[in-house]
Amino acid sequence: MALVARNVSERPCAVKGTPRVQFLQADGARQTAVSRMPPSPGVVPSRVVVPAGERLIATLEWGASSGPSRDATAAVQVTAVPGADSVRLVPRIDGEPTTLDVLDYAAVKIGPWAQAVDGWAKR
């Protein structure tokens, strides 16, 4: 899964590290004991300068799980950088809310912020 963030300020900003992600059940309770792991060996967070209006991306990886749907992740709470307000995101398919198969005790690899795939726009 990809998390995409956009610099909504009028100036460039710099970020380094990984987003803080909390996995939430439908009732708003946090998933129990979800392990947040670094990405693959050799992937090291670096400083990324994001021009005004441009985007960056971080990846989340986990193994598919099965279990009761009441334990599925219905939303993720994301804090892009320390000190920023968090944002609650609801996964959707074709515009309809869905759940993620991140269940209690899942292991999730969270990648560092990087320049968005399409790169920065030329201005």
PDB file of N, CA and C in Angstrom:
ATOM      1  N   MET A   1       0.863  -1.159   0.000  1.00  0.00           N
ATOM      2  CA  MET A   1       0.000   0.000   0.000  1.00  0.00           C
ATOM      3  C   MET A   1       0.908   1.220   0.000  1.00  0.00           C
ATOM      4  N   ALA A   2       0.471   2.264  -0.644  1.00  0.00           N
ATOM      5  CA  ALA A   2       1.237   3.501  -0.675  1.00  0.00           C
ATOM      6  C   ALA A   2       0.509   4.593   0.100  1.00  0.00           C
ATOM      7  N   LEU A   3       1.266   5.339   0.882  1.00  0.00           N
ATOM      8  CA  LEU A   3       0.763   6.549   1.531  1.00  0.00           C
ATOM      9  C   LEU A   3       1.338   7.719   0.758  1.00  0.00           C
ATOM     10  N   VAL A   4       0.488   8.633   0.383  1.00  0.00           N
ATOM     11  CA  VAL A   4       0.935   9.804  -0.373  1.00  0.00           C
ATOM     12  C   VAL A   4       0.615  11.049   0.436  1.00  0.00           C
ATOM     13  N   ALA A   5       1.603  11.932   0.551  1.00  0.00           N
ATOM     14  CA  ALA A   5       1.410  13.201   1.255  1.00  0.00           C
ATOM     15  C   ALA A   5       1.796  14.335   0.310  1.00  0.00           C
ATOM     16  N   ARG A   6       1.163  15.472   0.497  1.00  0.00           N
ATOM     17  CA  ARG A   6       1.447  16.628  -0.352  1.00  0.00           C
ATOM     18  C   ARG A   6       1.829  17.810   0.522  1.00  0.00           C
ATOM     19  N   ASN A   7       2.810  18.571   0.073  1.00  0.00           N
ATOM     20  CA  ASN A   7       3.214  19.796   0.747  1.00  0.00           C
ATOM     21  C   ASN A   7       2.188  20.865   0.392  1.00  0.00           C
ATOM     22  N   VAL A   8       1.327  21.209   1.342  1.00  0.00           N
ATOM     23  CA  VAL A   8       0.260  22.186   1.075  1.00  0.00           C
ATOM     24  C   VAL A   8       0.683  23.612   1.414  1.00  0.00           C
ATOM     25  N   SER A   9       1.936  23.788   1.826  1.00  0.00           N
ATOM     26  CA  SER A   9       2.419  25.138   2.125  1.00  0.00           C
ATOM     27  C   SER A   9       2.856  25.833   0.839  1.00  0.00           C
ATOM     28  N   GLU A  10       3.238  27.068   0.973  1.00  0.00           N
ATOM     29  CA  GLU A  10       3.691  27.840  -0.188  1.00  0.00           C
ATOM     30  C   GLU A  10       5.204  27.814  -0.327  1.00  0.00           C
ATOM     31  N   ARG A  11       5.880  27.047   0.558  1.00  0.00           N
ATOM     32  CA  ARG A  11       7.337  26.965   0.520  1.00  0.00           C
ATOM     33  C   ARG A  11       7.775  25.510   0.539  1.00  0.00           C
ATOM     34  N   PRO A  12       8.996  25.242   0.085  1.00  0.00           N
ATOM     35  CA  PRO A  12       9.509  23.878   0.187  1.00  0.00           C
ATOM     36  C   PRO A  12       9.613  23.463   1.653  1.00  0.00           C
ATOM     37  N   CYS A  13       9.525  22.174   1.909  1.00  0.00           N
ATOM     38  CA  CYS A  13       9.746  21.657   3.253  1.00  0.00           C
ATOM     39  C   CYS A  13      10.622  20.416   3.131  1.00  0.00           C
ATOM     40  N   ALA A  14      11.255  20.043   4.225  1.00  0.00           N
ATOM     41  CA  ALA A  14      12.113  18.864   4.222  1.00  0.00           C
ATOM     42  C   ALA A  14      11.563  17.849   5.219  1.00  0.00           C
ATOM     43  N   VAL A  15      11.620  16.595   4.838  1.00  0.00           N
ATOM     44  CA  VAL A  15      11.208  15.507   5.726  1.00  0.00           C
ATOM     45  C   VAL A  15      12.291  14.429   5.710  1.00  0.00           C
ATOM     46  N   LYS A  16      12.359  13.669   6.793  1.00  0.00           N
ATOM     47  CA  LYS A  16      13.268  12.531   6.864  1.00  0.00           C
ATOM     48  C   LYS A  16      12.641  11.512   7.798  1.00  0.00           C
ATOM     49  N   GLY A  17      12.710  10.282   7.422  1.00  0.00           N
ATOM     50  CA  GLY A  17      12.183   9.233   8.274  1.00  0.00           C
ATOM     51  C   GLY A  17      10.943   8.598   7.704  1.00  0.00           C
ATOM     52  N   THR A  18      10.170   7.977   8.587  1.00  0.00           N
ATOM     53  CA  THR A  18       8.975   7.259   8.172  1.00  0.00           C
ATOM     54  C   THR A  18       7.746   7.871   8.835  1.00  0.00           C
ATOM     55  N   PRO A  19       6.595   7.745   8.195  1.00  0.00           N
ATOM     56  CA  PRO A  19       5.373   8.242   8.838  1.00  0.00           C
ATOM     57  C   PRO A  19       5.023   7.367  10.042  1.00  0.00           C
ATOM     58  N   ARG A  20       4.320   7.936  10.995  1.00  0.00           N
ATOM     59  CA  ARG A  20       3.807   7.168  12.141  1.00  0.00           C
ATOM     60  C   ARG A  20       2.416   6.681  11.743  1.00  0.00           C
ATOM     61  N   VAL A  21       2.202   5.399  11.818  1.00  0.00           N
ATOM     62  CA  VAL A  21       0.945   4.812  11.364  1.00  0.00           C
ATOM     63  C   VAL A  21       0.338   3.968  12.481  1.00  0.00           C
ATOM     64  N   GLN A  22      -0.932   4.229  12.775  1.00  0.00           N
ATOM     65  CA  GLN A  22      -1.702   3.424  13.728  1.00  0.00           C
ATOM     66  C   GLN A  22      -2.829   2.740  12.943  1.00  0.00           C
ATOM     67  N   PHE A  23      -3.059   1.477  13.216  1.00  0.00           N
ATOM     68  CA  PHE A  23      -4.099   0.716  12.536  1.00  0.00           C
ATOM     69  C   PHE A  23      -5.305   0.616  13.459  1.00  0.00           C
ATOM     70  N   LEU A  24      -6.490   0.985  12.952  1.00  0.00           N
ATOM     71  CA  LEU A  24      -7.696   1.077  13.774  1.00  0.00           C
ATOM     72  C   LEU A  24      -8.787   0.122  13.300  1.00  0.00           C
ATOM     73  N   GLN A  25      -9.478  -0.479  14.253  1.00  0.00           N
ATOM     74  CA  GLN A  25     -10.638  -1.310  13.943  1.00  0.00           C
ATOM     75  C   GLN A  25     -11.847  -0.406  13.722  1.00  0.00           C
ATOM     76  N   ALA A  26     -12.951  -0.981  13.300  1.00  0.00           N
ATOM     77  CA  ALA A  26     -14.159  -0.206  12.984  1.00  0.00           C
ATOM     78  C   ALA A  26     -14.656   0.612  14.172  1.00  0.00           C
ATOM     79  N   ASP A  27     -14.477   0.107  15.396  1.00  0.00           N
ATOM     80  CA  ASP A  27     -14.930   0.848  16.582  1.00  0.00           C
ATOM     81  C   ASP A  27     -13.931   1.913  17.037  1.00  0.00           C
ATOM     82  N   GLY A  28     -12.824   2.067  16.285  1.00  0.00           N
ATOM     83  CA  GLY A  28     -11.815   3.070  16.617  1.00  0.00           C
ATOM     84  C   GLY A  28     -10.702   2.553  17.504  1.00  0.00           C
ATOM     85  N   ALA A  29     -10.844   1.312  18.021  1.00  0.00           N
ATOM     86  CA  ALA A  29      -9.789   0.730  18.860  1.00  0.00           C
ATOM     87  C   ALA A  29      -8.565   0.403  18.005  1.00  0.00           C
ATOM     88  N   ARG A  30      -7.395   0.583  18.591  1.00  0.00           N
ATOM     89  CA  ARG A  30      -6.157   0.255  17.880  1.00  0.00           C
ATOM     90  C   ARG A  30      -6.007  -1.251  17.744  1.00  0.00           C
ATOM     91  N   GLN A  31      -5.446  -1.677  16.620  1.00  0.00           N
ATOM     92  CA  GLN A  31      -5.101  -3.082  16.460  1.00  0.00           C
ATOM     93  C   GLN A  31      -4.105  -3.426  17.559  1.00  0.00           C
ATOM     94  N   THR A  32      -4.194  -4.616  18.112  1.00  0.00           N
ATOM     95  CA  THR A  32      -3.344  -5.049  19.208  1.00  0.00           C
ATOM     96  C   THR A  32      -2.000  -5.549  18.695  1.00  0.00           C
ATOM     97  N   ALA A  33      -0.942  -5.011  19.257  1.00  0.00           N
ATOM     98  CA  ALA A  33       0.418  -5.514  19.044  1.00  0.00           C
ATOM     99  C   ALA A  33       0.826  -5.615  17.579  1.00  0.00           C
ATOM    100  N   VAL A  34       0.469  -4.644  16.767  1.00  0.00           N
ATOM    101  CA  VAL A  34       0.957  -4.625  15.388  1.00  0.00           C
ATOM    102  C   VAL A  34       2.425  -4.207  15.441  1.00  0.00           C
ATOM    103  N   SER A  35       3.295  -5.023  14.879  1.00  0.00           N
ATOM    104  CA  SER A  35       4.722  -4.721  14.846  1.00  0.00           C
ATOM    105  C   SER A  35       5.012  -3.816  13.661  1.00  0.00           C
ATOM    106  N   ARG A  36       5.642  -2.687  13.933  1.00  0.00           N
ATOM    107  CA  ARG A  36       6.067  -1.776  12.874  1.00  0.00           C
ATOM    108  C   ARG A  36       7.543  -2.015  12.648  1.00  0.00           C
ATOM    109  N   MET A  37       7.861  -2.513  11.464  1.00  0.00           N
ATOM    110  CA  MET A  37       9.230  -2.922  11.172  1.00  0.00           C
ATOM    111  C   MET A  37       9.825  -2.020  10.102  1.00  0.00           C
ATOM    112  N   PRO A  38      11.161  -1.906  10.092  1.00  0.00           N
ATOM    113  CA  PRO A  38      11.779  -1.135   9.010  1.00  0.00           C
ATOM    114  C   PRO A  38      11.617  -1.875   7.689  1.00  0.00           C
ATOM    115  N   PRO A  39      11.774  -1.151   6.599  1.00  0.00           N
ATOM    116  CA  PRO A  39      11.665  -1.803   5.285  1.00  0.00           C
ATOM    117  C   PRO A  39      12.836  -2.753   5.062  1.00  0.00           C
ATOM    118  N   SER A  40      12.958  -3.245   3.882  1.00  0.00           N
ATOM    119  CA  SER A  40      14.013  -4.191   3.540  1.00  0.00           C
ATOM    120  C   SER A  40      15.392  -3.654   3.917  1.00  0.00           C
ATOM    121  N   PRO A  41      16.326  -4.547   4.247  1.00  0.00           N
ATOM    122  CA  PRO A  41      17.684  -4.103   4.575  1.00  0.00           C
ATOM    123  C   PRO A  41      18.258  -3.251   3.443  1.00  0.00           C
ATOM    124  N   GLY A  42      18.990  -2.242   3.819  1.00  0.00           N
ATOM    125  CA  GLY A  42      19.601  -1.358   2.823  1.00  0.00           C
ATOM    126  C   GLY A  42      18.763  -0.141   2.484  1.00  0.00           C
ATOM    127  N   VAL A  43      17.482  -0.134   2.861  1.00  0.00           N
ATOM    128  CA  VAL A  43      16.629   1.023   2.621  1.00  0.00           C
ATOM    129  C   VAL A  43      16.805   1.957   3.816  1.00  0.00           C
ATOM    130  N   VAL A  44      17.437   3.093   3.568  1.00  0.00           N
ATOM    131  CA  VAL A  44      17.775   4.018   4.646  1.00  0.00           C
ATOM    132  C   VAL A  44      17.036   5.331   4.419  1.00  0.00           C
ATOM    133  N   PRO A  45      16.342   5.835   5.440  1.00  0.00           N
ATOM    134  CA  PRO A  45      15.673   7.125   5.273  1.00  0.00           C
ATOM    135  C   PRO A  45      16.692   8.225   4.966  1.00  0.00           C
ATOM    136  N   SER A  46      16.359   9.071   4.035  1.00  0.00           N
ATOM    137  CA  SER A  46      17.212  10.211   3.732  1.00  0.00           C
ATOM    138  C   SER A  46      16.346  11.469   3.713  1.00  0.00           C
ATOM    139  N   ARG A  47      16.980  12.597   3.782  1.00  0.00           N
ATOM    140  CA  ARG A  47      16.276  13.882   3.778  1.00  0.00           C
ATOM    141  C   ARG A  47      15.713  14.131   2.382  1.00  0.00           C
ATOM    142  N   VAL A  48      14.431  14.460   2.327  1.00  0.00           N
ATOM    143  CA  VAL A  48      13.757  14.753   1.056  1.00  0.00           C
ATOM    144  C   VAL A  48      13.205  16.167   1.148  1.00  0.00           C
ATOM    145  N   VAL A  49      13.592  17.015   0.217  1.00  0.00           N
ATOM    146  CA  VAL A  49      13.050  18.375   0.153  1.00  0.00           C
ATOM    147  C   VAL A  49      11.879  18.348  -0.819  1.00  0.00           C
ATOM    148  N   VAL A  50      10.717  18.750  -0.314  1.00  0.00           N
ATOM    149  CA  VAL A  50       9.484  18.674  -1.093  1.00  0.00           C
ATOM    150  C   VAL A  50       9.077  20.086  -1.519  1.00  0.00           C
ATOM    151  N   PRO A  51       9.105  20.383  -2.817  1.00  0.00           N
ATOM    152  CA  PRO A  51       8.663  21.702  -3.268  1.00  0.00           C
ATOM    153  C   PRO A  51       7.187  21.937  -2.914  1.00  0.00           C
ATOM    154  N   ALA A  52       6.808  23.205  -2.834  1.00  0.00           N
ATOM    155  CA  ALA A  52       5.412  23.563  -2.545  1.00  0.00           C
ATOM    156  C   ALA A  52       4.487  22.875  -3.551  1.00  0.00           C
ATOM    157  N   GLY A  53       3.434  22.253  -3.049  1.00  0.00           N
ATOM    158  CA  GLY A  53       2.437  21.613  -3.902  1.00  0.00           C
ATOM    159  C   GLY A  53       2.799  20.227  -4.389  1.00  0.00           C
ATOM    160  N   GLU A  54       4.012  19.768  -4.139  1.00  0.00           N
ATOM    161  CA  GLU A  54       4.429  18.454  -4.637  1.00  0.00           C
ATOM    162  C   GLU A  54       4.193  17.363  -3.598  1.00  0.00           C
ATOM    163  N   ARG A  55       4.353  16.106  -4.036  1.00  0.00           N
ATOM    164  CA  ARG A  55       4.001  14.954  -3.202  1.00  0.00           C
ATOM    165  C   ARG A  55       5.204  14.077  -2.890  1.00  0.00           C
ATOM    166  N   LEU A  56       5.060  13.325  -1.803  1.00  0.00           N
ATOM    167  CA  LEU A  56       6.007  12.280  -1.484  1.00  0.00           C
ATOM    168  C   LEU A  56       5.222  11.029  -1.133  1.00  0.00           C
ATOM    169  N   ILE A  57       5.935   9.911  -1.047  1.00  0.00           N
ATOM    170  CA  ILE A  57       5.267   8.622  -0.885  1.00  0.00           C
ATOM    171  C   ILE A  57       6.038   7.765   0.120  1.00  0.00           C
ATOM    172  N   ALA A  58       5.316   6.945   0.860  1.00  0.00           N
ATOM    173  CA  ALA A  58       5.904   5.929   1.740  1.00  0.00           C
ATOM    174  C   ALA A  58       5.120   4.642   1.508  1.00  0.00           C
ATOM    175  N   THR A  59       5.787   3.520   1.615  1.00  0.00           N
ATOM    176  CA  THR A  59       5.118   2.240   1.367  1.00  0.00           C
ATOM    177  C   THR A  59       4.876   1.476   2.666  1.00  0.00           C
ATOM    178  N   LEU A  60       3.807   0.702   2.673  1.00  0.00           N
ATOM    179  CA  LEU A  60       3.485  -0.212   3.765  1.00  0.00           C
ATOM    180  C   LEU A  60       3.389  -1.608   3.159  1.00  0.00           C
ATOM    181  N   GLU A  61       4.032  -2.582   3.806  1.00  0.00           N
ATOM    182  CA  GLU A  61       3.977  -3.961   3.329  1.00  0.00           C
ATOM    183  C   GLU A  61       3.625  -4.878   4.485  1.00  0.00           C
ATOM    184  N   TRP A  62       2.768  -5.855   4.223  1.00  0.00           N
ATOM    185  CA  TRP A  62       2.425  -6.866   5.226  1.00  0.00           C
ATOM    186  C   TRP A  62       1.974  -8.122   4.515  1.00  0.00           C
ATOM    187  N   GLY A  63       2.055  -9.226   5.213  1.00  0.00           N
ATOM    188  CA  GLY A  63       1.566 -10.487   4.674  1.00  0.00           C
ATOM    189  C   GLY A  63       0.064 -10.568   4.851  1.00  0.00           C
ATOM    190  N   ALA A  64      -0.607 -11.132   3.880  1.00  0.00           N
ATOM    191  CA  ALA A  64      -2.061 -11.268   3.971  1.00  0.00           C
ATOM    192  C   ALA A  64      -2.429 -12.082   5.202  1.00  0.00           C
ATOM    193  N   SER A  65      -3.466 -11.644   5.889  1.00  0.00           N
ATOM    194  CA  SER A  65      -3.948 -12.326   7.086  1.00  0.00           C
ATOM    195  C   SER A  65      -5.383 -12.768   6.860  1.00  0.00           C
ATOM    196  N   SER A  66      -5.827 -13.692   7.667  1.00  0.00           N
ATOM    197  CA  SER A  66      -7.235 -14.068   7.612  1.00  0.00           C
ATOM    198  C   SER A  66      -7.747 -14.131   9.035  1.00  0.00           C
ATOM    199  N   GLY A  67      -8.990 -13.880   9.188  1.00  0.00           N
ATOM    200  CA  GLY A  67      -9.585 -13.898  10.515  1.00  0.00           C
ATOM    201  C   GLY A  67     -10.924 -13.200  10.480  1.00  0.00           C
ATOM    202  N   PRO A  68     -11.551 -13.058  11.628  1.00  0.00           N
ATOM    203  CA  PRO A  68     -12.861 -12.415  11.694  1.00  0.00           C
ATOM    204  C   PRO A  68     -12.793 -10.981  11.196  1.00  0.00           C
ATOM    205  N   SER A  69     -13.787 -10.567  10.434  1.00  0.00           N
ATOM    206  CA  SER A  69     -13.777  -9.224   9.857  1.00  0.00           C
ATOM    207  C   SER A  69     -13.824  -8.137  10.920  1.00  0.00           C
ATOM    208  N   ARG A  70     -14.336  -8.453  12.126  1.00  0.00           N
ATOM    209  CA  ARG A  70     -14.395  -7.430  13.172  1.00  0.00           C
ATOM    210  C   ARG A  70     -12.998  -7.019  13.618  1.00  0.00           C
ATOM    211  N   ASP A  71     -11.994  -7.852  13.341  1.00  0.00           N
ATOM    212  CA  ASP A  71     -10.621  -7.532  13.706  1.00  0.00           C
ATOM    213  C   ASP A  71      -9.857  -6.826  12.586  1.00  0.00           C
ATOM    214  N   ALA A  72     -10.449  -6.689  11.418  1.00  0.00           N
ATOM    215  CA  ALA A  72      -9.756  -6.068  10.286  1.00  0.00           C
ATOM    216  C   ALA A  72      -9.559  -4.575  10.524  1.00  0.00           C
ATOM    217  N   THR A  73      -8.556  -4.039   9.886  1.00  0.00           N
ATOM    218  CA  THR A  73      -8.284  -2.607   9.979  1.00  0.00           C
ATOM    219  C   THR A  73      -9.287  -1.853   9.113  1.00  0.00           C
ATOM    220  N   ALA A  74     -10.025  -0.940   9.723  1.00  0.00           N
ATOM    221  CA  ALA A  74     -11.035  -0.148   9.019  1.00  0.00           C
ATOM    222  C   ALA A  74     -10.522   1.256   8.682  1.00  0.00           C
ATOM    223  N   ALA A  75      -9.431   1.671   9.338  1.00  0.00           N
ATOM    224  CA  ALA A  75      -8.849   2.990   9.079  1.00  0.00           C
ATOM    225  C   ALA A  75      -7.410   2.994   9.566  1.00  0.00           C
ATOM    226  N   VAL A  76      -6.637   3.928   9.046  1.00  0.00           N
ATOM    227  CA  VAL A  76      -5.279   4.148   9.542  1.00  0.00           C
ATOM    228  C   VAL A  76      -5.165   5.595   9.975  1.00  0.00           C
ATOM    229  N   GLN A  77      -4.474   5.809  11.072  1.00  0.00           N
ATOM    230  CA  GLN A  77      -4.213   7.148  11.586  1.00  0.00           C
ATOM    231  C   GLN A  77      -2.756   7.440  11.247  1.00  0.00           C
ATOM    232  N   VAL A  78      -2.499   8.461  10.425  1.00  0.00           N
ATOM    233  CA  VAL A  78      -1.158   8.737   9.925  1.00  0.00           C
ATOM    234  C   VAL A  78      -0.685  10.104  10.409  1.00  0.00           C
ATOM    235  N   THR A  79       0.528  10.131  10.955  1.00  0.00           N
ATOM    236  CA  THR A  79       1.203  11.380  11.290  1.00  0.00           C
ATOM    237  C   THR A  79       2.429  11.435  10.384  1.00  0.00           C
ATOM    238  N   ALA A  80       2.426  12.388   9.458  1.00  0.00           N
ATOM    239  CA  ALA A  80       3.471  12.446   8.430  1.00  0.00           C
ATOM    240  C   ALA A  80       4.851  12.702   9.023  1.00  0.00           C
ATOM    241  N   VAL A  81       4.949  13.656   9.936  1.00  0.00           N
ATOM    242  CA  VAL A  81       6.220  14.009  10.570  1.00  0.00           C
ATOM    243  C   VAL A  81       5.949  14.344  12.035  1.00  0.00           C
ATOM    244  N   PRO A  82       6.936  14.176  12.894  1.00  0.00           N
ATOM    245  CA  PRO A  82       6.732  14.511  14.313  1.00  0.00           C
ATOM    246  C   PRO A  82       6.214  15.943  14.470  1.00  0.00           C
ATOM    247  N   GLY A  83       5.215  16.092  15.322  1.00  0.00           N
ATOM    248  CA  GLY A  83       4.645  17.409  15.591  1.00  0.00           C
ATOM    249  C   GLY A  83       3.502  17.800  14.673  1.00  0.00           C
ATOM    250  N   ALA A  84       3.299  17.051  13.587  1.00  0.00           N
ATOM    251  CA  ALA A  84       2.206  17.361  12.657  1.00  0.00           C
ATOM    252  C   ALA A  84       0.901  16.783  13.183  1.00  0.00           C
ATOM    253  N   ASP A  85      -0.205  17.343  12.736  1.00  0.00           N
ATOM    254  CA  ASP A  85      -1.511  16.772  13.054  1.00  0.00           C
ATOM    255  C   ASP A  85      -1.637  15.423  12.358  1.00  0.00           C
ATOM    256  N   SER A  86      -2.311  14.488  12.996  1.00  0.00           N
ATOM    257  CA  SER A  86      -2.539  13.200  12.353  1.00  0.00           C
ATOM    258  C   SER A  86      -3.796  13.272  11.493  1.00  0.00           C
ATOM    259  N   VAL A  87      -3.854  12.368  10.533  1.00  0.00           N
ATOM    260  CA  VAL A  87      -4.977  12.298   9.607  1.00  0.00           C
ATOM    261  C   VAL A  87      -5.513  10.873   9.632  1.00  0.00           C
ATOM    262  N   ARG A  88      -6.836  10.745   9.740  1.00  0.00           N
ATOM    263  CA  ARG A  88      -7.472   9.421   9.716  1.00  0.00           C
ATOM    264  C   ARG A  88      -7.866   9.122   8.277  1.00  0.00           C
ATOM    265  N   LEU A  89      -7.366   8.014   7.748  1.00  0.00           N
ATOM    266  CA  LEU A  89      -7.648   7.610   6.372  1.00  0.00           C
ATOM    267  C   LEU A  89      -8.454   6.318   6.370  1.00  0.00           C
ATOM    268  N   VAL A  90      -9.472   6.275   5.536  1.00  0.00           N
ATOM    269  CA  VAL A  90     -10.312   5.086   5.392  1.00  0.00           C
ATOM    270  C   VAL A  90     -10.026   4.485   4.021  1.00  0.00           C
ATOM    271  N   PRO A  91      -9.592   3.205   3.967  1.00  0.00           N
ATOM    272  CA  PRO A  91      -9.339   2.585   2.667  1.00  0.00           C
ATOM    273  C   PRO A  91     -10.636   2.449   1.869  1.00  0.00           C
ATOM    274  N   ARG A  92     -10.525   2.591   0.562  1.00  0.00           N
ATOM    275  CA  ARG A  92     -11.698   2.509  -0.314  1.00  0.00           C
ATOM    276  C   ARG A  92     -11.367   1.708  -1.565  1.00  0.00           C
ATOM    277  N   ILE A  93     -12.375   1.026  -2.068  1.00  0.00           N
ATOM    278  CA  ILE A  93     -12.310   0.366  -3.368  1.00  0.00           C
ATOM    279  C   ILE A  93     -13.489   0.881  -4.160  1.00  0.00           C
ATOM    280  N   ASP A  94     -13.236   1.430  -5.338  1.00  0.00           N
ATOM    281  CA  ASP A  94     -14.288   2.003  -6.180  1.00  0.00           C
ATOM    282  C   ASP A  94     -15.149   2.995  -5.395  1.00  0.00           C
ATOM    283  N   GLY A  95     -14.513   3.767  -4.516  1.00  0.00           N
ATOM    284  CA  GLY A  95     -15.215   4.795  -3.760  1.00  0.00           C
ATOM    285  C   GLY A  95     -15.934   4.314  -2.513  1.00  0.00           C
ATOM    286  N   GLU A  96     -15.984   3.004  -2.307  1.00  0.00           N
ATOM    287  CA  GLU A  96     -16.685   2.439  -1.152  1.00  0.00           C
ATOM    288  C   GLU A  96     -15.694   2.059  -0.062  1.00  0.00           C
ATOM    289  N   PRO A  97     -16.016   2.337   1.213  1.00  0.00           N
ATOM    290  CA  PRO A  97     -15.122   1.936   2.308  1.00  0.00           C
ATOM    291  C   PRO A  97     -14.893   0.431   2.308  1.00  0.00           C
ATOM    292  N   THR A  98     -13.687   0.044   2.645  1.00  0.00           N
ATOM    293  CA  THR A  98     -13.333  -1.368   2.754  1.00  0.00           C
ATOM    294  C   THR A  98     -12.423  -1.524   3.961  1.00  0.00           C
ATOM    295  N   THR A  99     -11.937  -2.721   4.207  1.00  0.00           N
ATOM    296  CA  THR A  99     -10.998  -2.943   5.298  1.00  0.00           C
ATOM    297  C   THR A  99      -9.686  -3.481   4.741  1.00  0.00           C
ATOM    298  N   LEU A 100      -8.654  -3.385   5.559  1.00  0.00           N
ATOM    299  CA  LEU A 100      -7.354  -3.963   5.229  1.00  0.00           C
ATOM    300  C   LEU A 100      -7.178  -5.226   6.060  1.00  0.00           C
ATOM    301  N   ASP A 101      -6.459  -6.194   5.535  1.00  0.00           N
ATOM    302  CA  ASP A 101      -6.258  -7.432   6.279  1.00  0.00           C
ATOM    303  C   ASP A 101      -5.052  -7.333   7.215  1.00  0.00           C
ATOM    304  N   VAL A 102      -4.902  -6.178   7.851  1.00  0.00           N
ATOM    305  CA  VAL A 102      -3.928  -6.014   8.935  1.00  0.00           C
ATOM    306  C   VAL A 102      -4.707  -6.322  10.214  1.00  0.00           C
ATOM    307  N   LEU A 103      -4.428  -7.478  10.792  1.00  0.00           N
ATOM    308  CA  LEU A 103      -5.141  -7.924  11.987  1.00  0.00           C
ATOM    309  C   LEU A 103      -4.239  -7.785  13.205  1.00  0.00           C
ATOM    310  N   ASP A 104      -4.794  -8.054  14.390  1.00  0.00           N
ATOM    311  CA  ASP A 104      -3.994  -8.040  15.611  1.00  0.00           C
ATOM    312  C   ASP A 104      -2.749  -8.901  15.422  1.00  0.00           C
ATOM    313  N   TYR A 105      -1.631  -8.421  15.930  1.00  0.00           N
ATOM    314  CA  TYR A 105      -0.335  -9.097  15.915  1.00  0.00           C
ATOM    315  C   TYR A 105       0.297  -9.195  14.530  1.00  0.00           C
ATOM    316  N   ALA A 106      -0.164  -8.419  13.576  1.00  0.00           N
ATOM    317  CA  ALA A 106       0.438  -8.396  12.242  1.00  0.00           C
ATOM    318  C   ALA A 106       1.811  -7.716  12.307  1.00  0.00           C
ATOM    319  N   ALA A 107       2.642  -7.983  11.319  1.00  0.00           N
ATOM    320  CA  ALA A 107       3.938  -7.318  11.173  1.00  0.00           C
ATOM    321  C   ALA A 107       3.870  -6.477   9.902  1.00  0.00           C
ATOM    322  N   VAL A 108       4.085  -5.175  10.046  1.00  0.00           N
ATOM    323  CA  VAL A 108       3.984  -4.256   8.910  1.00  0.00           C
ATOM    324  C   VAL A 108       5.319  -3.553   8.723  1.00  0.00           C
ATOM    325  N   LYS A 109       5.851  -3.610   7.485  1.00  0.00           N
ATOM    326  CA  LYS A 109       7.066  -2.874   7.142  1.00  0.00           C
ATOM    327  C   LYS A 109       6.641  -1.487   6.661  1.00  0.00           C
ATOM    328  N   ILE A 110       7.229  -0.454   7.261  1.00  0.00           N
ATOM    329  CA  ILE A 110       6.906   0.918   6.880  1.00  0.00           C
ATOM    330  C   ILE A 110       8.147   1.539   6.263  1.00  0.00           C
ATOM    331  N   GLY A 111       8.024   1.908   4.987  1.00  0.00           N
ATOM    332  CA  GLY A 111       9.146   2.499   4.269  1.00  0.00           C
ATOM    333  C   GLY A 111       9.283   3.985   4.559  1.00  0.00           C
ATOM    334  N   PRO A 112      10.459   4.543   4.314  1.00  0.00           N
ATOM    335  CA  PRO A 112      10.674   5.968   4.545  1.00  0.00           C
ATOM    336  C   PRO A 112      10.013   6.815   3.456  1.00  0.00           C
ATOM    337  N   TRP A 113       9.795   8.068   3.789  1.00  0.00           N
ATOM    338  CA  TRP A 113       9.283   9.012   2.793  1.00  0.00           C
ATOM    339  C   TRP A 113      10.299   9.134   1.656  1.00  0.00           C
ATOM    340  N   ALA A 114       9.789   9.207   0.435  1.00  0.00           N
ATOM    341  CA  ALA A 114      10.618   9.357  -0.765  1.00  0.00           C
ATOM    342  C   ALA A 114       9.862  10.221  -1.764  1.00  0.00           C
ATOM    343  N   GLN A 115      10.577  10.707  -2.764  1.00  0.00           N
ATOM    344  CA  GLN A 115       9.943  11.488  -3.820  1.00  0.00           C
ATOM    345  C   GLN A 115       8.880  10.637  -4.493  1.00  0.00           C
ATOM    346  N   ALA A 116       7.718  11.222  -4.751  1.00  0.00           N
ATOM    347  CA  ALA A 116       6.627  10.490  -5.382  1.00  0.00           C
ATOM    348  C   ALA A 116       7.072   9.939  -6.737  1.00  0.00           C
ATOM    349  N   VAL A 117       6.464   8.850  -7.141  1.00  0.00           N
ATOM    350  CA  VAL A 117       6.861   8.135  -8.346  1.00  0.00           C
ATOM    351  C   VAL A 117       6.930   9.034  -9.581  1.00  0.00           C
ATOM    352  N   ASP A 118       5.962   9.937  -9.736  1.00  0.00           N
ATOM    353  CA  ASP A 118       5.956  10.777 -10.934  1.00  0.00           C
ATOM    354  C   ASP A 118       6.935  11.943 -10.837  1.00  0.00           C
ATOM    355  N   GLY A 119       7.663  12.052  -9.736  1.00  0.00           N
ATOM    356  CA  GLY A 119       8.663  13.122  -9.606  1.00  0.00           C
ATOM    357  C   GLY A 119       8.039  14.478  -9.409  1.00  0.00           C
ATOM    358  N   TRP A 120       8.875  15.457  -9.306  1.00  0.00           N
ATOM    359  CA  TRP A 120       8.399  16.828  -9.112  1.00  0.00           C
ATOM    360  C   TRP A 120       8.016  17.430 -10.442  1.00  0.00           C
ATOM    361  N   ALA A 121       7.004  18.264 -10.435  1.00  0.00           N
ATOM    362  CA  ALA A 121       6.596  18.964 -11.656  1.00  0.00           C
ATOM    363  C   ALA A 121       7.657  19.994 -12.017  1.00  0.00           C
ATOM    364  N   LYS A 122       7.806  20.250 -13.274  1.00  0.00           N
ATOM    365  CA  LYS A 122       8.749  21.284 -13.741  1.00  0.00           C
ATOM    366  C   LYS A 122       8.032  22.607 -13.722  1.00  0.00           C
ATOM    367  N   ARG A 123       8.625  23.582 -13.066  1.00  0.00           N
ATOM    368  CA  ARG A 123       7.987  24.911 -12.986  1.00  0.00           C
ATOM    369  C   ARG A 123       8.885  25.949 -13.587  1.00  0.00           C
TER     370      ARG A 123
END
